[in-house]
Amino acid sequence: MTHVTEHPLVRGGRSAALATACVRGGVAAGLGLGALAVLVVAAWISSPYPDSGPGGALHLAAGLWLLAHGVDLVRTDTLSGLPAPLGVVPMLLAVLPVWLVHRAARDTLDAADGGDRRPPSALGAVGAVAGGYLLVAAAVVVYAESGPLPVEPLSAGLWLPAVVAGAAGAGAWTAFGRPLPEQRQAAAALRAAGLGLVTLLGGGAVVAAVSLAWHAGEAQAAYAALTGEWSGRVAVLLLVLALLPNMAVWGAAYGLGPGFTLGTGAFATPLGLVGDPAAPPFPLLAALPDDGRGGWMHGAAAAVPLVAVMLQGGRVGRSARTWTARDTALTALGAAWGCGAAVAVLSAAAGGALGTARLSAFGPVWWQTGAATVLWGACVGVPVALGVRAWGRRVPRSKRPPEPAVASAPSAVASGAPGSSGSASRPVAAAGSGTPPASSGPSAPEGPVTEKAPESLPADPAGRTAGAKPAAAGPGPDDDPPYGGYDGYDGYDPYGDSAFEPYDYLPAAWEPGAPPAPPPPPRSAD
């Protein structure tokens, strides 16, 4: 009898999972390209001057889709006839493609975990999704070469794989529950870096919005001068919305200190505007600072990185209460480096070239903003982390344990020192002496007091009644001393622990000030 073996593809093996992941990547690329093409074709249909035709609209959509991935384009239809680069990425356009790749990788691992087929490894899933996506992207690059916005080959070979692989890796990380490194310092540094980055970008958006509101008249005039048709104004408005994340990064770079370039030889910093800016007429560029030296309002932008690194250092300090000062400082410095790396990448994406000559450099300089972020974190974030750690390690006075004042009570009891209050003033009789402690009342009889034994019980040769324990005898070998030899315990528990014992504060037998141990009871004559 012949045994039939199923092929791995038939029974849903790992090869089938990788093939499905590749298809998911291609579908993600098609969805992003299709959504952008619908938007561009709708703008072309509503335009009163559709000169390029539907083919030109599709070529424009392909170029914009590649630009959203960080690929530099080349404008061929310029006034001078010379090709001009276009490298400023509208960062809002990148949200949809990145999210689609992220979701494709995440769904690949989630579906494999919940199904009968063998799940692929994280690296295999990322590679398969990225491979399917890049196959579609390569076809789009070839298609865009014949349009008005061809692709620069070096930029396409560098940024396309990096962006797609990064988004797919983030999707795999999400599928595994977003795990952080097991080392506590590394995990705390990543969390603090994320908090600092979000605060820095939020503060940059506030700086850009305040400046745009301050120059609202200039922005409105630039918006109205670009086009008079409603379809053109809608297109300009969509472009403004797509560039809003870029303005947040520009505002953060302005507050950090290095600022941004407005063409070769022109810089905008909180200290003022240097050089002759070569800014084209655009509503968002109307928010640029005025010429001349910066005032206190420009310097107030420095509050954005200050607040960001203080929150960043405070996050590290709250996590480092049990760490050493060295580990705390290194963790805060690692958070500064992580935040600086993220800011450098965002600065490189938010800026670029808008043309040749003076417009070849436009926006923040990535290495300057990254270095400034690290410097802010090292100079402010590290001391704040150490300060928060020291503040968290302090012991409030209300929570400190009370001084063990009862430690001197047993010694006073044993020595019979007068003036002791409460039951500590009653002397303790020595074991076997037959003398009970004297009463503190005025009617206490003087001299030794013995307790009569019952007549029905015989007495032993030592003079003690059989079956009765002497009244003045100390605790026996099997008896615990009442509260450590101290009967003034008031039930106060400073730690709220039910297992607390009042003799926990008394010194040990070998420590100075310890009460003398009670002598053992006398042995019987027999």
Protein backbone atom coordinates (compact mmCIF):
# COMPACT_ATOMS: atom_id res chain seq x y z
CA MET A 1 0.00 0.00 0.00
CA THR A 2 1.41 3.35 -0.98
CA HIS A 3 1.42 6.14 1.61
CA VAL A 4 0.38 9.51 0.15
CA THR A 5 2.40 12.46 1.51
CA GLU A 6 0.90 15.91 1.24
CA HIS A 7 2.99 18.69 -0.18
CA PRO A 8 3.82 21.52 2.26
CA LEU A 9 1.88 23.97 0.12
CA VAL A 10 -1.17 21.71 0.29
CA ARG A 11 -1.21 21.27 4.04
CA GLY A 12 -0.46 24.93 4.68
CA GLY A 13 3.21 24.90 5.62
CA ARG A 14 5.66 27.72 6.12
CA SER A 15 6.12 28.20 2.38
CA ALA A 16 2.44 28.97 1.99
CA ALA A 17 2.63 31.47 4.84
CA LEU A 18 5.58 33.26 3.20
CA ALA A 19 3.77 33.34 -0.14
CA THR A 20 0.71 34.81 1.55
CA ALA A 21 2.91 37.44 3.22
CA CYS A 22 4.40 38.39 -0.13
CA VAL A 23 0.92 38.81 -1.58
CA ARG A 24 -0.05 40.93 1.42
CA GLY A 25 2.89 43.24 0.74
CA GLY A 26 1.92 43.67 -2.90
CA VAL A 27 -1.70 44.37 -1.97
CA ALA A 28 -0.56 47.00 0.54
CA ALA A 29 1.46 48.78 -2.16
CA GLY A 30 -1.48 48.66 -4.57
CA LEU A 31 -3.89 50.08 -2.01
CA GLY A 32 -1.64 53.03 -1.20
CA LEU A 33 -0.97 53.79 -4.84
CA GLY A 34 -4.63 53.43 -5.74
CA ALA A 35 -5.80 55.79 -3.00
CA LEU A 36 -3.36 58.48 -4.10
CA ALA A 37 -4.24 57.96 -7.77
CA VAL A 38 -7.94 58.46 -7.03
CA LEU A 39 -7.15 61.73 -5.26
CA VAL A 40 -4.95 63.02 -8.11
CA VAL A 41 -7.41 61.99 -10.82
CA ALA A 42 -10.25 63.72 -8.96
CA ALA A 43 -8.17 66.92 -8.81
CA TRP A 44 -7.41 66.59 -12.53
CA ILE A 45 -11.08 66.15 -13.40
CA SER A 46 -12.09 69.21 -11.40
CA SER A 47 -9.32 71.34 -12.89
CA PRO A 48 -10.48 73.87 -15.52
CA TYR A 49 -7.26 73.35 -17.50
CA PRO A 50 -6.67 69.56 -17.80
CA ASP A 51 -3.83 69.87 -20.29
CA SER A 52 -1.82 66.76 -19.40
CA GLY A 53 -4.60 64.21 -19.85
CA PRO A 54 -5.30 61.14 -17.71
CA GLY A 55 -1.86 59.68 -18.44
CA GLY A 56 -0.19 62.74 -16.97
CA ALA A 57 -2.38 62.51 -13.87
CA LEU A 58 -1.43 58.85 -13.33
CA HIS A 59 2.27 59.66 -13.79
CA LEU A 60 1.92 62.45 -11.23
CA ALA A 61 0.23 60.06 -8.80
CA ALA A 62 3.09 57.56 -9.23
CA GLY A 63 5.66 60.27 -8.58
CA LEU A 64 3.88 61.52 -5.47
CA TRP A 65 3.57 57.95 -4.15
CA LEU A 66 7.32 57.48 -4.52
CA LEU A 67 7.95 60.88 -2.96
CA ALA A 68 5.95 59.78 0.08
CA HIS A 69 8.57 57.06 0.62
CA GLY A 70 11.41 59.59 0.71
CA VAL A 71 12.49 59.16 -2.91
CA ASP A 72 13.82 62.30 -4.58
CA LEU A 73 12.13 63.30 -7.83
CA VAL A 74 13.41 65.38 -10.72
CA ARG A 75 11.29 68.14 -12.30
CA THR A 76 11.90 68.34 -16.02
CA ASP A 77 9.36 71.03 -17.02
CA THR A 78 11.14 74.02 -15.47
CA LEU A 79 11.29 77.58 -16.79
CA SER A 80 15.02 77.35 -17.42
CA GLY A 81 14.76 73.97 -19.10
CA LEU A 82 17.25 72.44 -16.69
CA PRO A 83 16.12 69.55 -14.47
CA ALA A 84 15.59 70.52 -10.83
CA PRO A 85 15.46 68.10 -7.89
CA LEU A 86 12.49 67.86 -5.57
CA GLY A 87 13.34 66.30 -2.21
CA VAL A 88 10.97 67.76 0.38
CA VAL A 89 8.64 64.94 1.42
CA PRO A 90 5.08 65.84 2.48
CA MET A 91 5.20 63.73 5.62
CA LEU A 92 1.44 63.33 5.91
CA LEU A 93 1.44 61.45 2.58
CA ALA A 94 3.81 58.90 4.11
CA VAL A 95 1.31 57.93 6.82
CA LEU A 96 -0.89 55.75 4.58
CA PRO A 97 1.89 53.70 2.88
CA VAL A 98 3.74 53.15 6.15
CA TRP A 99 0.55 52.09 7.93
CA LEU A 100 -0.37 49.66 5.15
CA VAL A 101 3.04 47.94 5.29
CA HIS A 102 2.86 47.87 9.09
CA ARG A 103 -0.57 46.26 9.00
CA ALA A 104 0.44 43.70 6.37
CA ALA A 105 3.34 42.42 8.49
CA ARG A 106 1.25 42.42 11.65
CA ASP A 107 -1.65 40.54 10.06
CA THR A 108 0.73 37.99 8.57
CA LEU A 109 2.01 36.93 11.98
CA ASP A 110 -1.39 37.20 13.66
CA ALA A 111 -3.10 35.03 11.03
CA ALA A 112 -0.32 32.42 11.21
CA ASP A 113 -0.61 32.22 15.00
CA GLY A 114 -4.35 31.68 14.87
CA GLY A 115 -4.46 29.20 11.99
CA ASP A 116 -3.40 25.63 11.33
CA ARG A 117 -0.40 26.44 9.17
CA ARG A 118 3.09 26.77 10.56
CA PRO A 119 3.83 30.41 11.34
CA PRO A 120 6.83 31.98 9.63
CA SER A 121 9.59 33.55 11.64
CA ALA A 122 9.53 37.27 12.29
CA LEU A 123 12.45 37.84 9.93
CA GLY A 124 10.80 35.73 7.24
CA ALA A 125 7.51 37.60 7.55
CA VAL A 126 9.24 40.97 7.34
CA GLY A 127 11.27 39.89 4.32
CA ALA A 128 8.26 38.44 2.51
CA VAL A 129 6.04 41.48 3.07
CA ALA A 130 8.82 43.89 2.12
CA GLY A 131 9.67 41.81 -0.95
CA GLY A 132 6.11 41.86 -2.26
CA TYR A 133 5.85 45.59 -1.63
CA LEU A 134 9.15 46.37 -3.34
CA LEU A 135 8.18 44.36 -6.42
CA VAL A 136 5.25 46.70 -6.97
CA ALA A 137 7.43 49.73 -6.13
CA ALA A 138 9.99 48.71 -8.74
CA ALA A 139 7.25 48.61 -11.40
CA VAL A 140 6.08 52.07 -10.30
CA VAL A 141 9.64 53.43 -10.59
CA VAL A 142 9.87 52.17 -14.15
CA TYR A 143 6.47 53.67 -14.96
CA ALA A 144 7.36 57.06 -13.44
CA GLU A 145 10.50 57.39 -15.59
CA SER A 146 8.39 58.37 -18.58
CA GLY A 147 6.42 61.04 -16.73
CA PRO A 148 7.07 64.64 -15.71
CA LEU A 149 8.54 63.54 -12.35
CA PRO A 150 11.13 60.81 -12.94
CA VAL A 151 12.93 59.23 -10.01
CA GLU A 152 16.51 59.72 -8.98
CA PRO A 153 17.91 56.15 -9.03
CA LEU A 154 20.28 56.47 -6.06
CA SER A 155 17.56 57.86 -3.82
CA ALA A 156 15.12 55.14 -4.89
CA GLY A 157 17.62 52.39 -4.14
CA LEU A 158 18.36 53.81 -0.69
CA TRP A 159 15.12 55.11 0.80
CA LEU A 160 12.53 52.72 -0.61
CA PRO A 161 13.96 49.53 0.99
CA ALA A 162 14.76 51.35 4.23
CA VAL A 163 11.26 52.76 4.70
CA VAL A 164 9.48 49.55 3.71
CA ALA A 165 11.68 47.31 5.87
CA GLY A 166 11.32 49.66 8.84
CA ALA A 167 7.52 49.73 8.59
CA ALA A 168 7.33 45.94 8.20
CA GLY A 169 9.65 45.47 11.19
CA ALA A 170 7.43 47.72 13.26
CA GLY A 171 4.43 45.59 12.27
CA ALA A 172 6.17 42.40 13.38
CA TRP A 173 7.11 44.08 16.66
CA THR A 174 3.45 44.99 17.19
CA ALA A 175 2.36 41.42 16.46
CA PHE A 176 4.59 40.17 19.28
CA GLY A 177 3.10 42.64 21.77
CA ARG A 178 5.68 45.43 21.39
CA PRO A 179 8.29 43.81 23.65
CA LEU A 180 11.08 45.90 25.11
CA PRO A 181 14.59 44.77 25.98
CA GLU A 182 14.80 42.66 29.12
CA GLN A 183 17.43 44.95 30.57
CA ARG A 184 15.67 47.52 32.71
CA GLN A 185 17.98 50.39 31.78
CA ALA A 186 17.50 49.87 28.03
CA ALA A 187 13.70 49.64 28.34
CA ALA A 188 13.58 52.78 30.50
CA ALA A 189 15.79 54.65 28.02
CA LEU A 190 13.49 53.75 25.11
CA ARG A 191 10.38 54.84 26.99
CA ALA A 192 11.97 58.11 28.02
CA ALA A 193 13.22 58.76 24.47
CA GLY A 194 9.71 58.23 23.10
CA LEU A 195 8.24 60.62 25.65
CA GLY A 196 10.85 63.25 24.85
CA LEU A 197 10.30 62.88 21.10
CA VAL A 198 6.53 63.24 21.35
CA THR A 199 6.87 66.29 23.61
CA LEU A 200 9.43 67.87 21.30
CA LEU A 201 7.29 67.41 18.18
CA GLY A 202 4.17 68.63 19.97
CA GLY A 203 5.99 71.73 21.15
CA GLY A 204 7.32 72.31 17.63
CA ALA A 205 3.78 72.15 16.27
CA VAL A 206 2.70 74.75 18.85
CA VAL A 207 5.60 77.05 17.88
CA ALA A 208 4.70 76.74 14.18
CA ALA A 209 0.99 77.34 14.84
CA VAL A 210 1.66 80.44 16.95
CA SER A 211 3.97 81.88 14.30
CA LEU A 212 1.45 81.14 11.55
CA ALA A 213 -1.32 82.81 13.54
CA TRP A 214 0.96 85.82 14.14
CA HIS A 215 1.54 86.13 10.37
CA ALA A 216 -2.01 85.23 9.36
CA GLY A 217 -2.33 88.20 7.00
CA GLU A 218 0.78 87.28 5.00
CA ALA A 219 -0.30 83.63 4.85
CA GLN A 220 -3.73 84.53 3.52
CA ALA A 221 -2.25 86.80 0.88
CA ALA A 222 0.15 84.08 -0.29
CA TYR A 223 -2.68 81.55 -0.45
CA ALA A 224 -4.87 83.82 -2.55
CA ALA A 225 -2.02 84.74 -4.92
CA LEU A 226 -1.23 81.17 -5.91
CA THR A 227 -4.45 80.46 -7.80
CA GLY A 228 -7.85 81.97 -8.34
CA GLU A 229 -9.82 78.80 -9.13
CA TRP A 230 -11.53 76.85 -6.38
CA SER A 231 -10.05 73.56 -7.61
CA GLY A 232 -6.55 75.01 -7.43
CA ARG A 233 -7.20 76.37 -3.98
CA VAL A 234 -8.39 72.95 -2.84
CA ALA A 235 -5.18 71.42 -4.20
CA VAL A 236 -3.08 74.03 -2.40
CA LEU A 237 -5.02 73.43 0.80
CA LEU A 238 -4.37 69.68 0.54
CA LEU A 239 -0.67 70.37 0.04
CA VAL A 240 -0.66 72.61 3.11
CA LEU A 241 -2.25 69.85 5.18
CA ALA A 242 0.27 67.31 3.89
CA LEU A 243 3.14 69.60 4.98
CA LEU A 244 1.87 70.27 8.51
CA PRO A 245 4.04 67.50 10.08
CA ASN A 246 7.03 69.07 8.33
CA MET A 247 6.24 72.36 10.04
CA ALA A 248 6.18 70.60 13.42
CA VAL A 249 9.69 69.27 12.79
CA TRP A 250 10.82 72.70 11.64
CA GLY A 251 9.41 74.28 14.79
CA ALA A 252 11.21 71.72 16.95
CA ALA A 253 14.48 72.40 15.13
CA TYR A 254 13.95 76.12 15.64
CA GLY A 255 13.49 75.68 19.37
CA LEU A 256 16.51 73.37 19.67
CA GLY A 257 18.78 76.15 18.43
CA PRO A 258 20.17 75.17 15.01
CA GLY A 259 16.96 76.25 13.27
CA PHE A 260 16.62 75.57 9.56
CA THR A 261 18.03 76.78 6.25
CA LEU A 262 16.10 78.86 3.74
CA GLY A 263 18.44 78.34 0.85
CA THR A 264 22.20 78.35 0.80
CA GLY A 265 23.58 81.03 3.10
CA ALA A 266 20.30 81.82 4.90
CA PHE A 267 19.48 80.51 8.39
CA ALA A 268 16.54 81.08 10.73
CA THR A 269 17.40 80.62 14.42
CA PRO A 270 16.00 82.05 17.69
CA LEU A 271 18.83 84.59 17.58
CA GLY A 272 17.52 86.02 14.34
CA LEU A 273 17.36 85.59 10.57
CA VAL A 274 20.75 85.50 8.90
CA GLY A 275 21.24 85.98 5.17
CA ASP A 276 18.80 86.49 2.32
CA PRO A 277 16.15 83.73 2.35
CA ALA A 278 15.14 82.25 -0.97
CA ALA A 279 11.65 81.19 0.08
CA PRO A 280 9.02 80.78 -2.62
CA PRO A 281 5.56 82.26 -2.01
CA PHE A 282 3.66 79.68 0.02
CA PRO A 283 1.20 80.04 2.93
CA LEU A 284 3.25 78.01 5.42
CA LEU A 285 6.44 79.89 4.61
CA ALA A 286 4.73 83.11 5.62
CA ALA A 287 5.22 81.97 9.22
CA LEU A 288 8.98 82.47 8.96
CA PRO A 289 10.49 84.92 11.47
CA ASP A 290 11.02 88.48 10.40
CA ASP A 291 14.37 89.92 9.43
CA GLY A 292 16.69 91.18 12.15
CA ARG A 293 17.66 89.96 15.57
CA GLY A 294 15.31 87.75 17.49
CA GLY A 295 13.51 89.05 20.58
CA TRP A 296 12.23 87.41 23.70
CA MET A 297 9.36 85.82 21.79
CA HIS A 298 11.82 84.02 19.54
CA GLY A 299 13.88 82.92 22.53
CA ALA A 300 10.75 81.54 24.20
CA ALA A 301 10.85 78.72 21.66
CA ALA A 302 13.71 77.26 23.71
CA ALA A 303 11.11 76.25 26.31
CA VAL A 304 10.05 73.41 23.99
CA PRO A 305 13.27 71.34 24.23
CA LEU A 306 13.64 72.34 27.88
CA VAL A 307 10.27 70.85 28.80
CA ALA A 308 10.92 67.81 26.60
CA VAL A 309 14.24 66.88 28.20
CA MET A 310 12.91 67.57 31.70
CA LEU A 311 10.07 65.11 31.14
CA GLN A 312 12.54 62.71 29.59
CA GLY A 313 14.91 62.92 32.55
CA GLY A 314 12.04 62.73 35.02
CA ARG A 315 10.83 59.52 33.43
CA VAL A 316 14.27 57.98 33.83
CA GLY A 317 14.55 59.22 37.42
CA ARG A 318 11.22 57.69 38.45
CA SER A 319 12.34 54.33 37.09
CA ALA A 320 15.79 54.52 38.73
CA ARG A 321 14.93 54.72 42.42
CA THR A 322 16.70 51.44 43.12
CA TRP A 323 19.56 51.96 40.67
CA THR A 324 22.97 53.43 41.25
CA ALA A 325 23.73 56.99 40.23
CA ARG A 326 26.01 55.73 37.46
CA ASP A 327 23.30 53.54 35.91
CA THR A 328 20.82 56.40 36.14
CA ALA A 329 23.15 58.82 34.36
CA LEU A 330 23.95 56.28 31.63
CA THR A 331 20.26 55.54 31.10
CA ALA A 332 19.41 59.24 30.78
CA LEU A 333 22.29 59.67 28.34
CA GLY A 334 21.03 56.69 26.32
CA ALA A 335 17.57 58.26 26.18
CA ALA A 336 19.15 61.48 24.89
CA TRP A 337 20.96 59.58 22.15
CA GLY A 338 17.81 57.69 21.16
CA CYS A 339 15.75 60.87 20.94
CA GLY A 340 18.55 62.58 19.01
CA ALA A 341 18.68 59.77 16.45
CA ALA A 342 14.92 59.94 15.89
CA VAL A 343 15.01 63.74 15.51
CA ALA A 344 17.87 63.46 13.00
CA VAL A 345 15.88 61.02 10.84
CA LEU A 346 12.77 63.19 10.94
CA SER A 347 14.80 66.30 10.12
CA ALA A 348 16.30 64.58 7.08
CA ALA A 349 12.81 63.66 5.88
CA ALA A 350 11.29 67.10 6.59
CA GLY A 351 13.88 68.99 4.56
CA GLY A 352 15.56 68.63 1.21
CA ALA A 353 16.07 70.35 -2.07
CA LEU A 354 13.47 72.43 -3.87
CA GLY A 355 15.63 73.19 -6.87
CA THR A 356 19.15 74.06 -7.87
CA ALA A 357 21.57 76.78 -6.74
CA ARG A 358 20.15 78.60 -3.73
CA LEU A 359 17.21 76.20 -3.31
CA SER A 360 19.43 73.14 -3.09
CA ALA A 361 19.30 73.22 0.75
CA PHE A 362 15.96 73.82 2.41
CA GLY A 363 14.80 72.85 5.90
CA PRO A 364 16.54 71.55 9.03
CA VAL A 365 20.04 70.09 8.83
CA TRP A 366 19.73 66.59 10.23
CA TRP A 367 23.10 66.29 11.96
CA GLN A 368 22.78 69.69 13.62
CA THR A 369 19.33 69.01 15.05
CA GLY A 370 20.35 65.51 16.18
CA ALA A 371 23.47 66.81 17.93
CA ALA A 372 21.49 69.62 19.59
CA THR A 373 18.94 67.11 20.92
CA VAL A 374 21.69 64.96 22.44
CA LEU A 375 23.32 68.05 23.96
CA TRP A 376 20.07 69.18 25.56
CA GLY A 377 19.51 65.71 26.98
CA ALA A 378 23.04 65.45 28.37
CA CYS A 379 23.12 68.92 29.95
CA VAL A 380 19.57 69.03 31.32
CA GLY A 381 18.10 65.54 31.18
CA VAL A 382 20.89 63.78 33.10
CA PRO A 383 20.86 66.19 36.10
CA VAL A 384 17.06 66.05 36.21
CA ALA A 385 17.15 62.24 36.24
CA LEU A 386 19.66 62.23 39.10
CA GLY A 387 17.63 64.78 41.03
CA VAL A 388 14.36 62.87 40.63
CA ARG A 389 16.13 59.67 41.69
CA ALA A 390 17.51 61.32 44.82
CA TRP A 391 14.11 62.82 45.64
CA GLY A 392 12.41 59.46 45.25
CA ARG A 393 14.91 57.72 47.53
CA ARG A 394 14.33 60.07 50.45
CA VAL A 395 12.41 58.84 53.52
CA PRO A 396 9.71 61.28 54.68
CA ARG A 397 9.66 62.10 58.37
CA SER A 398 6.11 60.87 58.73
CA LYS A 399 7.14 57.42 57.48
CA ARG A 400 10.33 57.04 59.48
CA PRO A 401 10.17 54.46 62.30
CA PRO A 402 10.10 56.01 65.80
CA GLU A 403 13.19 56.00 67.92
CA PRO A 404 13.39 52.83 70.06
CA ALA A 405 12.86 54.67 73.34
CA VAL A 406 11.72 51.44 74.99
CA ALA A 407 15.26 50.07 74.71
CA SER A 408 16.20 51.62 78.07
CA ALA A 409 13.14 50.29 79.87
CA PRO A 410 14.43 46.75 80.48
CA SER A 411 17.66 48.06 81.96
CA ALA A 412 15.73 50.35 84.26
CA VAL A 413 13.51 47.49 85.25
CA ALA A 414 16.42 45.18 85.93
CA SER A 415 18.33 47.76 87.99
CA GLY A 416 15.25 48.91 89.87
CA ALA A 417 16.06 52.54 89.10
CA PRO A 418 13.63 54.89 90.77
CA GLY A 419 11.68 57.39 88.75
CA SER A 420 10.64 55.00 86.03
CA SER A 421 7.07 55.45 84.90
CA GLY A 422 4.38 52.80 84.50
CA SER A 423 5.18 49.19 85.10
CA ALA A 424 8.87 49.75 84.33
CA SER A 425 9.30 51.23 87.87
CA ARG A 426 8.51 47.90 89.54
CA PRO A 427 11.68 45.94 90.31
CA VAL A 428 11.92 42.45 89.01
CA ALA A 429 12.70 39.89 91.68
CA ALA A 430 15.52 37.48 91.14
CA ALA A 431 14.53 33.95 90.39
CA GLY A 432 14.57 31.63 93.38
CA SER A 433 14.74 34.46 95.96
CA GLY A 434 11.15 33.99 97.02
CA THR A 435 10.67 37.75 97.12
CA PRO A 436 7.94 39.17 94.87
CA PRO A 437 8.13 42.68 93.49
CA ALA A 438 6.93 45.35 95.88
CA SER A 439 3.66 47.00 95.08
CA SER A 440 3.71 50.63 94.10
CA GLY A 441 0.61 51.43 96.21
CA PRO A 442 0.79 52.93 99.73
CA SER A 443 -0.70 49.85 101.42
CA ALA A 444 1.93 47.44 100.17
CA PRO A 445 3.40 45.39 103.04
CA GLU A 446 7.08 45.69 103.71
CA GLY A 447 9.44 42.76 103.73
CA PRO A 448 9.32 39.48 101.90
CA VAL A 449 5.94 38.01 101.25
CA THR A 450 5.55 34.29 100.79
CA GLU A 451 2.57 32.51 99.44
CA LYS A 452 1.06 29.77 101.58
CA ALA A 453 0.78 26.40 99.98
CA PRO A 454 -2.44 24.45 100.18
CA GLU A 455 -2.51 22.02 103.06
CA SER A 456 -3.51 19.16 100.83
CA LEU A 457 -0.35 19.34 98.80
CA PRO A 458 2.98 18.04 100.15
CA ALA A 459 6.08 20.20 100.17
CA ASP A 460 9.37 19.18 98.70
CA PRO A 461 12.68 19.26 100.61
CA ALA A 462 13.53 22.66 99.13
CA GLY A 463 10.52 24.18 100.87
CA ARG A 464 8.41 24.66 97.80
CA THR A 465 4.94 23.37 97.39
CA ALA A 466 4.64 20.57 94.89
CA GLY A 467 2.62 21.43 91.83
CA ALA A 468 2.83 25.18 92.44
CA LYS A 469 5.18 27.68 90.85
CA PRO A 470 6.75 30.34 93.06
CA ALA A 471 5.02 33.62 92.75
CA ALA A 472 8.21 35.60 92.37
CA ALA A 473 9.98 33.25 90.03
CA GLY A 474 10.97 34.55 86.61
CA PRO A 475 9.91 32.98 83.36
CA GLY A 476 10.77 29.39 82.90
CA PRO A 477 12.86 27.87 80.12
CA ASP A 478 9.72 27.06 78.12
CA ASP A 479 8.03 30.40 78.69
CA ASP A 480 8.47 33.43 76.46
CA PRO A 481 9.30 36.66 78.25
CA PRO A 482 6.28 38.95 78.25
CA TYR A 483 6.98 41.35 75.34
CA GLY A 484 10.71 40.90 75.64
CA GLY A 485 10.78 41.74 79.35
CA TYR A 486 8.83 44.93 78.75
CA ASP A 487 5.20 45.10 79.81
CA GLY A 488 4.60 48.68 78.67
CA TYR A 489 3.85 47.82 75.06
CA ASP A 490 1.02 49.99 73.79
CA GLY A 491 0.33 48.11 70.53
CA TYR A 492 1.84 50.74 68.20
CA ASP A 493 2.89 49.23 64.90
CA PRO A 494 4.98 51.72 62.87
CA TYR A 495 5.03 49.59 59.73
CA GLY A 496 1.49 48.25 59.69
CA ASP A 497 2.84 44.71 59.87
CA SER A 498 0.72 42.17 61.72
CA ALA A 499 3.87 40.15 62.45
CA PHE A 500 5.43 43.06 64.35
CA GLU A 501 6.71 42.23 67.81
CA PRO A 502 7.55 44.88 70.41
CA TYR A 503 10.92 43.33 71.20
CA ASP A 504 12.12 43.92 67.63
CA TYR A 505 13.55 47.26 68.71
CA LEU A 506 15.36 45.93 71.79
CA PRO A 507 19.12 45.34 71.58
CA ALA A 508 20.42 41.82 71.37
CA ALA A 509 22.13 40.12 74.25
CA TRP A 510 25.59 40.89 72.82
CA GLU A 511 24.88 44.59 72.15
CA PRO A 512 25.51 47.33 74.73
CA GLY A 513 22.47 48.32 76.75
CA ALA A 514 20.87 44.88 76.48
CA PRO A 515 18.84 43.83 79.55
CA PRO A 516 20.35 41.07 81.67
CA ALA A 517 18.98 37.67 80.88
CA PRO A 518 16.78 36.26 83.62
CA PRO A 519 18.54 33.51 85.62
CA PRO A 520 17.25 29.98 85.15
CA PRO A 521 14.90 28.59 87.77
CA PRO A 522 16.55 26.58 90.58
CA ARG A 523 16.68 22.86 90.11
CA SER A 524 14.69 20.64 92.40
CA ALA A 525 16.51 18.73 95.09
CA ASP A 526 15.44 15.44 93.66
